[in-house]
Amino acid sequence: MGDLSTLSIHLLKVEDIPTIAAAFAALGWDKPAEQYKGYLEEQQRGERVALVAWQADEFVGYVTIVWVSSYAPFREATIPEINDFNVLPHARRQGIGSRLMDEAERRIAERSPVVGIRVGLYADYGAAQRMYAKRGYIPDGRGITAHERRVTPGDSVVVDDDLVLWFTKAF
């Protein structure tokens, strides 16, 4: 585990947005500034919390919480969702993601006895799948979804970021 003494986590601020967008653009990931501007607007309306991690003066990751999930079973049960969690590849396996999750879960536990999360099904999500299991998340038992629609036997789906399994964790 890396040295976390210089790690700080704060709520997303407008001045963070260019740095975050540039960090993902450098990786070739489609995460434009407009996405984070939207997160900031949702945060200002109380719909989302966006937590940003910095190690010293370097942006290293973020996680967001949506208080009303777009996934119907979570929405109907008023289960907040940890949504859009990213640690930059060079900063992984140093405890940064765990710290972000700790802070997100702490904030959720103040308002709900349960948290939900989704995880992709292909290898790029392997580290997240393992992390969530180690943190006590369990599948919600409803199977996988593609674009938030239940996948049933015989369906053909595209394996992409929208093919997910949903998990919950009770506090």
N, C-alpha and C. Protein backbone atom coordinates (compact mmCIF):
# COMPACT_ATOMS: atom_id res chain seq x y z
N MET A 1 0.85 -1.18 0.00
CA MET A 1 0.00 0.00 0.00
C MET A 1 0.89 1.24 0.00
N GLY A 2 0.50 2.22 -0.76
CA GLY A 2 1.29 3.44 -0.88
C GLY A 2 1.15 4.35 0.33
N ASP A 3 1.90 5.44 0.30
CA ASP A 3 1.85 6.43 1.37
C ASP A 3 0.60 7.29 1.17
N LEU A 4 -0.34 7.16 2.10
CA LEU A 4 -1.58 7.92 1.98
C LEU A 4 -1.56 9.20 2.79
N SER A 5 -0.40 9.56 3.34
CA SER A 5 -0.34 10.75 4.21
C SER A 5 -0.64 12.04 3.45
N THR A 6 -0.44 12.05 2.14
CA THR A 6 -0.72 13.25 1.36
C THR A 6 -2.06 13.17 0.64
N LEU A 7 -2.83 12.11 0.91
CA LEU A 7 -4.12 11.95 0.24
C LEU A 7 -5.17 12.85 0.87
N SER A 8 -5.89 13.57 0.03
CA SER A 8 -7.02 14.36 0.52
C SER A 8 -8.23 14.07 -0.37
N ILE A 9 -9.39 14.09 0.25
CA ILE A 9 -10.64 13.85 -0.47
C ILE A 9 -11.56 15.03 -0.17
N HIS A 10 -12.08 15.62 -1.22
CA HIS A 10 -13.01 16.73 -1.02
C HIS A 10 -14.16 16.64 -2.03
N LEU A 11 -15.19 17.42 -1.79
CA LEU A 11 -16.30 17.51 -2.73
C LEU A 11 -15.81 18.16 -4.02
N LEU A 12 -16.33 17.69 -5.14
CA LEU A 12 -15.99 18.25 -6.45
C LEU A 12 -16.22 19.75 -6.45
N LYS A 13 -15.22 20.46 -6.98
CA LYS A 13 -15.29 21.92 -7.15
C LYS A 13 -15.10 22.24 -8.62
N VAL A 14 -15.60 23.36 -9.05
CA VAL A 14 -15.51 23.74 -10.46
C VAL A 14 -14.06 23.77 -10.93
N GLU A 15 -13.14 24.19 -10.06
CA GLU A 15 -11.74 24.27 -10.48
C GLU A 15 -11.08 22.90 -10.65
N ASP A 16 -11.71 21.82 -10.14
CA ASP A 16 -11.20 20.47 -10.34
C ASP A 16 -11.44 19.95 -11.76
N ILE A 17 -12.48 20.44 -12.40
CA ILE A 17 -12.99 19.84 -13.63
C ILE A 17 -11.97 19.78 -14.77
N PRO A 18 -11.25 20.85 -15.09
CA PRO A 18 -10.29 20.74 -16.19
C PRO A 18 -9.20 19.68 -15.94
N THR A 19 -8.74 19.60 -14.71
CA THR A 19 -7.69 18.62 -14.38
C THR A 19 -8.21 17.20 -14.51
N ILE A 20 -9.42 16.96 -14.02
CA ILE A 20 -10.00 15.62 -14.10
C ILE A 20 -10.21 15.22 -15.56
N ALA A 21 -10.81 16.10 -16.33
CA ALA A 21 -11.07 15.79 -17.74
C ALA A 21 -9.77 15.55 -18.49
N ALA A 22 -8.74 16.34 -18.22
CA ALA A 22 -7.45 16.18 -18.89
C ALA A 22 -6.79 14.85 -18.52
N ALA A 23 -6.93 14.44 -17.25
CA ALA A 23 -6.34 13.17 -16.82
C ALA A 23 -6.95 12.00 -17.58
N PHE A 24 -8.26 12.01 -17.76
CA PHE A 24 -8.90 10.91 -18.48
C PHE A 24 -8.67 11.02 -19.99
N ALA A 25 -8.61 12.23 -20.52
CA ALA A 25 -8.31 12.40 -21.94
C ALA A 25 -6.92 11.83 -22.26
N ALA A 26 -5.97 12.02 -21.34
CA ALA A 26 -4.62 11.50 -21.54
C ALA A 26 -4.60 9.98 -21.61
N LEU A 27 -5.60 9.35 -21.00
CA LEU A 27 -5.72 7.89 -21.05
C LEU A 27 -6.52 7.42 -22.27
N GLY A 28 -7.12 8.37 -22.99
CA GLY A 28 -7.97 8.01 -24.12
C GLY A 28 -9.37 7.59 -23.71
N TRP A 29 -9.77 7.95 -22.49
CA TRP A 29 -11.10 7.61 -21.99
C TRP A 29 -12.06 8.74 -22.29
N ASP A 30 -13.30 8.41 -22.60
CA ASP A 30 -14.31 9.40 -22.94
C ASP A 30 -15.00 9.88 -21.66
N LYS A 31 -14.36 10.82 -20.99
CA LYS A 31 -14.90 11.42 -19.78
C LYS A 31 -14.67 12.94 -19.87
N PRO A 32 -15.48 13.61 -20.69
CA PRO A 32 -15.26 15.04 -20.95
C PRO A 32 -15.66 15.93 -19.77
N ALA A 33 -15.20 17.15 -19.83
CA ALA A 33 -15.50 18.13 -18.78
C ALA A 33 -17.01 18.27 -18.55
N GLU A 34 -17.80 18.15 -19.62
CA GLU A 34 -19.26 18.31 -19.48
C GLU A 34 -19.84 17.30 -18.48
N GLN A 35 -19.27 16.09 -18.44
CA GLN A 35 -19.74 15.08 -17.49
C GLN A 35 -19.58 15.59 -16.06
N TYR A 36 -18.45 16.19 -15.76
CA TYR A 36 -18.17 16.65 -14.40
C TYR A 36 -18.92 17.94 -14.09
N LYS A 37 -19.16 18.75 -15.11
CA LYS A 37 -20.01 19.93 -14.90
C LYS A 37 -21.41 19.47 -14.52
N GLY A 38 -21.90 18.41 -15.17
CA GLY A 38 -23.20 17.85 -14.82
C GLY A 38 -23.21 17.31 -13.40
N TYR A 39 -22.13 16.62 -13.02
CA TYR A 39 -22.03 16.10 -11.65
C TYR A 39 -22.07 17.26 -10.65
N LEU A 40 -21.37 18.34 -10.95
CA LEU A 40 -21.35 19.49 -10.05
C LEU A 40 -22.73 20.10 -9.91
N GLU A 41 -23.45 20.22 -11.04
CA GLU A 41 -24.82 20.76 -10.98
C GLU A 41 -25.72 19.84 -10.14
N GLU A 42 -25.59 18.53 -10.33
CA GLU A 42 -26.39 17.59 -9.54
C GLU A 42 -26.01 17.67 -8.06
N GLN A 43 -24.73 17.86 -7.78
CA GLN A 43 -24.28 17.99 -6.40
C GLN A 43 -24.88 19.25 -5.77
N GLN A 44 -24.89 20.34 -6.52
CA GLN A 44 -25.45 21.59 -6.01
C GLN A 44 -26.95 21.47 -5.74
N ARG A 45 -27.64 20.59 -6.48
CA ARG A 45 -29.08 20.35 -6.27
C ARG A 45 -29.34 19.30 -5.19
N GLY A 46 -28.29 18.68 -4.66
CA GLY A 46 -28.46 17.66 -3.63
C GLY A 46 -28.80 16.28 -4.17
N GLU A 47 -28.61 16.07 -5.46
CA GLU A 47 -28.94 14.79 -6.09
C GLU A 47 -27.77 13.82 -6.12
N ARG A 48 -26.56 14.36 -6.07
CA ARG A 48 -25.34 13.56 -6.20
C ARG A 48 -24.28 14.16 -5.27
N VAL A 49 -23.40 13.31 -4.81
CA VAL A 49 -22.18 13.75 -4.13
C VAL A 49 -21.03 13.24 -4.97
N ALA A 50 -20.11 14.11 -5.31
CA ALA A 50 -18.92 13.73 -6.07
C ALA A 50 -17.70 13.99 -5.19
N LEU A 51 -17.00 12.93 -4.83
CA LEU A 51 -15.82 13.01 -3.97
C LEU A 51 -14.58 12.83 -4.83
N VAL A 52 -13.65 13.75 -4.71
CA VAL A 52 -12.46 13.79 -5.55
C VAL A 52 -11.23 13.56 -4.67
N ALA A 53 -10.35 12.66 -5.12
CA ALA A 53 -9.12 12.35 -4.37
C ALA A 53 -7.91 12.99 -5.05
N TRP A 54 -7.09 13.59 -4.21
CA TRP A 54 -5.83 14.19 -4.65
C TRP A 54 -4.72 13.64 -3.78
N GLN A 55 -3.62 13.26 -4.40
CA GLN A 55 -2.44 12.85 -3.65
C GLN A 55 -1.40 13.93 -3.88
N ALA A 56 -1.08 14.63 -2.80
CA ALA A 56 -0.28 15.86 -2.90
C ALA A 56 -1.06 16.80 -3.82
N ASP A 57 -0.49 17.21 -4.94
CA ASP A 57 -1.18 18.13 -5.86
C ASP A 57 -1.68 17.43 -7.11
N GLU A 58 -1.76 16.10 -7.08
CA GLU A 58 -2.14 15.34 -8.26
C GLU A 58 -3.51 14.70 -8.10
N PHE A 59 -4.38 14.92 -9.07
CA PHE A 59 -5.67 14.24 -9.10
C PHE A 59 -5.42 12.75 -9.30
N VAL A 60 -6.08 11.89 -8.46
CA VAL A 60 -5.85 10.45 -8.59
C VAL A 60 -7.14 9.63 -8.70
N GLY A 61 -8.31 10.22 -8.43
CA GLY A 61 -9.53 9.44 -8.57
C GLY A 61 -10.74 10.15 -8.02
N TYR A 62 -11.89 9.51 -8.21
CA TYR A 62 -13.14 10.07 -7.68
C TYR A 62 -14.17 8.96 -7.56
N VAL A 63 -15.21 9.25 -6.81
CA VAL A 63 -16.38 8.39 -6.71
C VAL A 63 -17.59 9.30 -6.54
N THR A 64 -18.73 8.87 -7.06
CA THR A 64 -19.94 9.65 -6.83
C THR A 64 -21.02 8.78 -6.20
N ILE A 65 -21.91 9.45 -5.51
CA ILE A 65 -23.08 8.84 -4.90
C ILE A 65 -24.30 9.49 -5.53
N VAL A 66 -25.24 8.68 -6.00
CA VAL A 66 -26.53 9.22 -6.41
C VAL A 66 -27.55 8.79 -5.36
N TRP A 67 -28.30 9.74 -4.87
CA TRP A 67 -29.24 9.46 -3.78
C TRP A 67 -30.48 8.74 -4.29
N VAL A 68 -30.84 8.95 -5.56
CA VAL A 68 -31.96 8.24 -6.17
C VAL A 68 -31.42 7.53 -7.41
N SER A 69 -31.30 6.22 -7.31
CA SER A 69 -30.71 5.41 -8.38
C SER A 69 -31.64 5.35 -9.59
N SER A 70 -31.04 5.22 -10.75
CA SER A 70 -31.83 5.00 -11.97
C SER A 70 -32.26 3.54 -12.09
N TYR A 71 -31.67 2.65 -11.31
CA TYR A 71 -32.01 1.22 -11.30
C TYR A 71 -33.28 1.05 -10.46
N ALA A 72 -34.35 0.61 -11.10
CA ALA A 72 -35.67 0.58 -10.46
C ALA A 72 -35.68 -0.13 -9.10
N PRO A 73 -35.09 -1.33 -8.95
CA PRO A 73 -35.15 -1.96 -7.63
C PRO A 73 -34.49 -1.13 -6.52
N PHE A 74 -33.41 -0.44 -6.83
CA PHE A 74 -32.78 0.43 -5.83
C PHE A 74 -33.65 1.66 -5.58
N ARG A 75 -34.14 2.26 -6.65
CA ARG A 75 -34.97 3.46 -6.53
C ARG A 75 -36.20 3.16 -5.68
N GLU A 76 -36.88 2.04 -5.98
CA GLU A 76 -38.10 1.69 -5.25
C GLU A 76 -37.84 1.39 -3.78
N ALA A 77 -36.66 0.88 -3.47
CA ALA A 77 -36.30 0.56 -2.08
C ALA A 77 -35.53 1.71 -1.41
N THR A 78 -35.43 2.85 -2.08
CA THR A 78 -34.68 4.03 -1.62
C THR A 78 -33.24 3.69 -1.21
N ILE A 79 -32.58 2.90 -2.06
CA ILE A 79 -31.18 2.53 -1.82
C ILE A 79 -30.29 3.47 -2.63
N PRO A 80 -29.48 4.30 -1.96
CA PRO A 80 -28.54 5.14 -2.70
C PRO A 80 -27.52 4.27 -3.43
N GLU A 81 -26.98 4.82 -4.51
CA GLU A 81 -26.04 4.04 -5.33
C GLU A 81 -24.68 4.73 -5.43
N ILE A 82 -23.63 3.97 -5.17
CA ILE A 82 -22.29 4.43 -5.52
C ILE A 82 -22.20 4.26 -7.03
N ASN A 83 -21.88 5.35 -7.70
CA ASN A 83 -22.01 5.40 -9.15
C ASN A 83 -20.81 6.14 -9.73
N ASP A 84 -20.14 5.53 -10.68
CA ASP A 84 -18.99 6.12 -11.35
C ASP A 84 -17.82 6.29 -10.38
N PHE A 85 -17.06 5.23 -10.26
CA PHE A 85 -15.92 5.14 -9.35
C PHE A 85 -14.68 4.88 -10.19
N ASN A 86 -13.70 5.77 -10.10
CA ASN A 86 -12.49 5.64 -10.91
C ASN A 86 -11.26 6.07 -10.12
N VAL A 87 -10.23 5.24 -10.18
CA VAL A 87 -8.90 5.61 -9.70
C VAL A 87 -7.99 5.49 -10.92
N LEU A 88 -7.17 6.49 -11.16
CA LEU A 88 -6.28 6.46 -12.32
C LEU A 88 -5.38 5.22 -12.24
N PRO A 89 -5.13 4.60 -13.39
CA PRO A 89 -4.37 3.34 -13.37
C PRO A 89 -3.05 3.38 -12.60
N HIS A 90 -2.28 4.45 -12.73
CA HIS A 90 -0.98 4.51 -12.04
C HIS A 90 -1.12 4.64 -10.52
N ALA A 91 -2.32 4.99 -10.05
CA ALA A 91 -2.54 5.20 -8.62
C ALA A 91 -3.30 4.04 -7.96
N ARG A 92 -3.55 2.99 -8.70
CA ARG A 92 -4.31 1.86 -8.15
C ARG A 92 -3.43 0.99 -7.25
N ARG A 93 -4.11 0.21 -6.41
CA ARG A 93 -3.47 -0.74 -5.49
C ARG A 93 -2.58 -0.03 -4.47
N GLN A 94 -3.00 1.19 -4.10
CA GLN A 94 -2.28 1.97 -3.10
C GLN A 94 -3.18 2.36 -1.93
N GLY A 95 -4.45 1.92 -1.97
CA GLY A 95 -5.39 2.26 -0.91
C GLY A 95 -6.26 3.46 -1.19
N ILE A 96 -6.05 4.10 -2.33
CA ILE A 96 -6.83 5.30 -2.67
C ILE A 96 -8.30 4.95 -2.89
N GLY A 97 -8.55 3.89 -3.67
CA GLY A 97 -9.93 3.47 -3.90
C GLY A 97 -10.62 3.08 -2.61
N SER A 98 -9.92 2.42 -1.72
CA SER A 98 -10.52 2.06 -0.42
C SER A 98 -10.89 3.29 0.38
N ARG A 99 -10.03 4.29 0.35
CA ARG A 99 -10.33 5.53 1.07
C ARG A 99 -11.54 6.24 0.46
N LEU A 100 -11.62 6.26 -0.86
CA LEU A 100 -12.79 6.87 -1.51
C LEU A 100 -14.06 6.11 -1.13
N MET A 101 -14.00 4.79 -1.19
CA MET A 101 -15.17 3.97 -0.82
C MET A 101 -15.53 4.18 0.65
N ASP A 102 -14.53 4.24 1.53
CA ASP A 102 -14.79 4.48 2.95
C ASP A 102 -15.59 5.77 3.14
N GLU A 103 -15.16 6.83 2.47
CA GLU A 103 -15.83 8.12 2.62
C GLU A 103 -17.23 8.09 2.01
N ALA A 104 -17.38 7.45 0.85
CA ALA A 104 -18.71 7.35 0.24
C ALA A 104 -19.64 6.55 1.15
N GLU A 105 -19.18 5.43 1.66
CA GLU A 105 -20.01 4.59 2.53
C GLU A 105 -20.35 5.33 3.83
N ARG A 106 -19.40 6.09 4.37
CA ARG A 106 -19.67 6.86 5.60
C ARG A 106 -20.81 7.85 5.36
N ARG A 107 -20.77 8.54 4.23
CA ARG A 107 -21.81 9.52 3.93
C ARG A 107 -23.17 8.83 3.70
N ILE A 108 -23.14 7.70 3.02
CA ILE A 108 -24.40 6.99 2.77
C ILE A 108 -24.98 6.45 4.07
N ALA A 109 -24.13 5.90 4.93
CA ALA A 109 -24.61 5.32 6.20
C ALA A 109 -25.31 6.35 7.08
N GLU A 110 -25.02 7.62 6.89
CA GLU A 110 -25.72 8.68 7.63
C GLU A 110 -27.18 8.81 7.21
N ARG A 111 -27.51 8.29 6.02
CA ARG A 111 -28.85 8.46 5.46
C ARG A 111 -29.58 7.17 5.16
N SER A 112 -28.85 6.05 5.06
CA SER A 112 -29.46 4.79 4.63
C SER A 112 -28.77 3.60 5.29
N PRO A 113 -29.52 2.54 5.60
CA PRO A 113 -28.89 1.33 6.15
C PRO A 113 -28.30 0.42 5.08
N VAL A 114 -28.51 0.76 3.80
CA VAL A 114 -28.05 -0.08 2.69
C VAL A 114 -27.50 0.82 1.58
N VAL A 115 -26.49 0.31 0.89
CA VAL A 115 -25.94 0.99 -0.28
C VAL A 115 -25.96 0.01 -1.45
N GLY A 116 -26.11 0.55 -2.65
CA GLY A 116 -26.06 -0.27 -3.86
C GLY A 116 -24.91 0.16 -4.74
N ILE A 117 -24.50 -0.76 -5.61
CA ILE A 117 -23.43 -0.48 -6.57
C ILE A 117 -23.59 -1.43 -7.75
N ARG A 118 -23.12 -1.02 -8.91
CA ARG A 118 -23.13 -1.88 -10.09
C ARG A 118 -21.69 -2.14 -10.50
N VAL A 119 -21.48 -3.27 -11.14
CA VAL A 119 -20.13 -3.55 -11.64
C VAL A 119 -20.22 -4.23 -12.99
N GLY A 120 -19.34 -3.81 -13.90
CA GLY A 120 -19.27 -4.42 -15.22
C GLY A 120 -18.79 -5.85 -15.14
N LEU A 121 -19.04 -6.60 -16.21
CA LEU A 121 -18.80 -8.04 -16.19
C LEU A 121 -17.56 -8.50 -16.93
N TYR A 122 -16.87 -7.62 -17.63
CA TYR A 122 -15.69 -8.09 -18.35
C TYR A 122 -14.42 -7.78 -17.55
N ALA A 123 -13.29 -8.27 -18.05
CA ALA A 123 -12.04 -8.27 -17.29
C ALA A 123 -11.59 -6.89 -16.81
N ASP A 124 -11.91 -5.83 -17.53
CA ASP A 124 -11.50 -4.50 -17.09
C ASP A 124 -12.06 -4.16 -15.71
N TYR A 125 -13.14 -4.83 -15.32
CA TYR A 125 -13.77 -4.59 -14.02
C TYR A 125 -13.34 -5.59 -12.96
N GLY A 126 -12.37 -6.44 -13.28
CA GLY A 126 -11.95 -7.47 -12.34
C GLY A 126 -11.52 -6.93 -10.99
N ALA A 127 -10.73 -5.87 -10.97
CA ALA A 127 -10.28 -5.31 -9.69
C ALA A 127 -11.46 -4.78 -8.88
N ALA A 128 -12.41 -4.14 -9.55
CA ALA A 128 -13.59 -3.63 -8.86
C ALA A 128 -14.43 -4.79 -8.33
N GLN A 129 -14.61 -5.82 -9.12
CA GLN A 129 -15.38 -6.99 -8.67
C GLN A 129 -14.79 -7.55 -7.38
N ARG A 130 -13.47 -7.69 -7.36
CA ARG A 130 -12.80 -8.24 -6.17
C ARG A 130 -12.92 -7.29 -4.98
N MET A 131 -12.74 -6.00 -5.23
CA MET A 131 -12.82 -5.02 -4.16
C MET A 131 -14.20 -5.03 -3.51
N TYR A 132 -15.25 -5.04 -4.32
CA TYR A 132 -16.60 -4.99 -3.77
C TYR A 132 -16.89 -6.24 -2.94
N ALA A 133 -16.46 -7.40 -3.43
CA ALA A 133 -16.66 -8.63 -2.67
C ALA A 133 -15.92 -8.56 -1.33
N LYS A 134 -14.69 -8.08 -1.34
CA LYS A 134 -13.91 -7.97 -0.11
C LYS A 134 -14.53 -6.97 0.87
N ARG A 135 -15.25 -5.99 0.35
CA ARG A 135 -15.87 -4.97 1.21
C ARG A 135 -17.26 -5.41 1.70
N GLY A 136 -17.70 -6.60 1.31
CA GLY A 136 -18.96 -7.10 1.82
C GLY A 136 -20.17 -6.89 0.93
N TYR A 137 -19.96 -6.47 -0.31
CA TYR A 137 -21.08 -6.31 -1.24
C TYR A 137 -21.49 -7.69 -1.75
N ILE A 138 -22.80 -7.90 -1.87
CA ILE A 138 -23.32 -9.17 -2.39
C ILE A 138 -24.30 -8.88 -3.53
N PRO A 139 -24.38 -9.79 -4.50
CA PRO A 139 -25.33 -9.56 -5.60
C PRO A 139 -26.75 -9.38 -5.06
N ASP A 140 -27.51 -8.53 -5.73
CA ASP A 140 -28.89 -8.28 -5.27
C ASP A 140 -29.84 -9.41 -5.63
N GLY A 141 -29.36 -10.40 -6.38
CA GLY A 141 -30.17 -11.58 -6.68
C GLY A 141 -31.10 -11.43 -7.87
N ARG A 142 -31.01 -10.31 -8.58
CA ARG A 142 -31.90 -10.09 -9.72
C ARG A 142 -31.22 -10.38 -11.06
N GLY A 143 -29.98 -10.85 -11.02
CA GLY A 143 -29.26 -11.16 -12.25
C GLY A 143 -28.62 -9.94 -12.87
N ILE A 144 -28.22 -10.10 -14.11
CA ILE A 144 -27.52 -9.02 -14.80
C ILE A 144 -28.51 -8.18 -15.61
N THR A 145 -28.06 -6.96 -15.89
CA THR A 145 -28.85 -6.06 -16.74
C THR A 145 -27.96 -5.53 -17.85
N ALA A 146 -28.59 -5.16 -18.93
CA ALA A 146 -27.95 -4.45 -20.03
C ALA A 146 -28.75 -3.17 -20.22
N HIS A 147 -28.10 -2.04 -20.05
CA HIS A 147 -28.78 -0.75 -20.12
C HIS A 147 -29.96 -0.72 -19.14
N GLU A 148 -29.74 -1.31 -17.97
CA GLU A 148 -30.69 -1.36 -16.85
C GLU A 148 -31.95 -2.17 -17.16
N ARG A 149 -31.89 -3.01 -18.19
CA ARG A 149 -32.99 -3.94 -18.48
C ARG A 149 -32.51 -5.34 -18.17
N ARG A 150 -33.31 -6.09 -17.46
CA ARG A 150 -32.95 -7.44 -17.07
C ARG A 150 -32.63 -8.30 -18.29
N VAL A 151 -31.55 -9.07 -18.21
CA VAL A 151 -31.16 -10.01 -19.26
C VAL A 151 -31.73 -11.37 -18.87
N THR A 152 -32.45 -11.97 -19.79
CA THR A 152 -33.06 -13.27 -19.52
C THR A 152 -32.42 -14.33 -20.40
N PRO A 153 -32.55 -15.60 -20.01
CA PRO A 153 -31.94 -16.66 -20.83
C PRO A 153 -32.39 -16.56 -22.29
N GLY A 154 -31.41 -16.69 -23.18
CA GLY A 154 -31.68 -16.60 -24.61
C GLY A 154 -31.47 -15.22 -25.20
N ASP A 155 -31.38 -14.17 -24.34
CA ASP A 155 -31.13 -12.82 -24.85
C ASP A 155 -29.73 -12.72 -25.43
N SER A 156 -29.59 -11.93 -26.45
CA SER A 156 -28.27 -11.57 -26.97
C SER A 156 -27.98 -10.15 -26.55
N VAL A 157 -26.82 -9.92 -25.95
CA VAL A 157 -26.45 -8.59 -25.48
C VAL A 157 -25.02 -8.29 -25.88
N VAL A 158 -24.71 -7.02 -25.94
CA VAL A 158 -23.35 -6.57 -26.19
C VAL A 158 -22.62 -6.52 -24.85
N VAL A 159 -21.44 -7.08 -24.81
CA VAL A 159 -20.64 -7.00 -23.60
C VAL A 159 -19.90 -5.66 -23.64
N ASP A 160 -20.41 -4.72 -22.84
CA ASP A 160 -19.82 -3.38 -22.76
C ASP A 160 -20.00 -2.88 -21.34
N ASP A 161 -19.77 -1.59 -21.12
CA ASP A 161 -19.86 -1.03 -19.78
C ASP A 161 -21.26 -1.05 -19.20
N ASP A 162 -22.27 -1.26 -20.04
CA ASP A 162 -23.66 -1.26 -19.57
C ASP A 162 -24.19 -2.65 -19.25
N LEU A 163 -23.36 -3.67 -19.39
CA LEU A 163 -23.74 -5.02 -18.97
C LEU A 163 -23.19 -5.19 -17.56
N VAL A 164 -24.09 -5.20 -16.57
CA VAL A 164 -23.64 -5.13 -15.18
C VAL A 164 -24.40 -6.11 -14.27
N LEU A 165 -23.78 -6.35 -13.13
CA LEU A 165 -24.39 -7.07 -12.02
C LEU A 165 -24.50 -6.05 -10.88
N TRP A 166 -25.63 -6.10 -10.18
CA TRP A 166 -25.93 -5.13 -9.13
C TRP A 166 -25.69 -5.76 -7.76
N PHE A 167 -25.10 -5.00 -6.87
CA PHE A 167 -24.75 -5.46 -5.52
C PHE A 167 -25.32 -4.51 -4.47
N THR A 168 -25.50 -5.04 -3.27
CA THR A 168 -25.87 -4.21 -2.13
C THR A 168 -24.99 -4.58 -0.95
N LYS A 169 -24.94 -3.66 0.00
CA LYS A 169 -24.24 -3.88 1.25
C LYS A 169 -25.05 -3.22 2.34
N ALA A 170 -25.31 -3.98 3.40
CA ALA A 170 -26.00 -3.43 4.56
C ALA A 170 -24.96 -2.93 5.56
N PHE A 171 -25.26 -1.85 6.22
CA PHE A 171 -24.36 -1.29 7.24
C PHE A 171 -24.72 -1.83 8.61
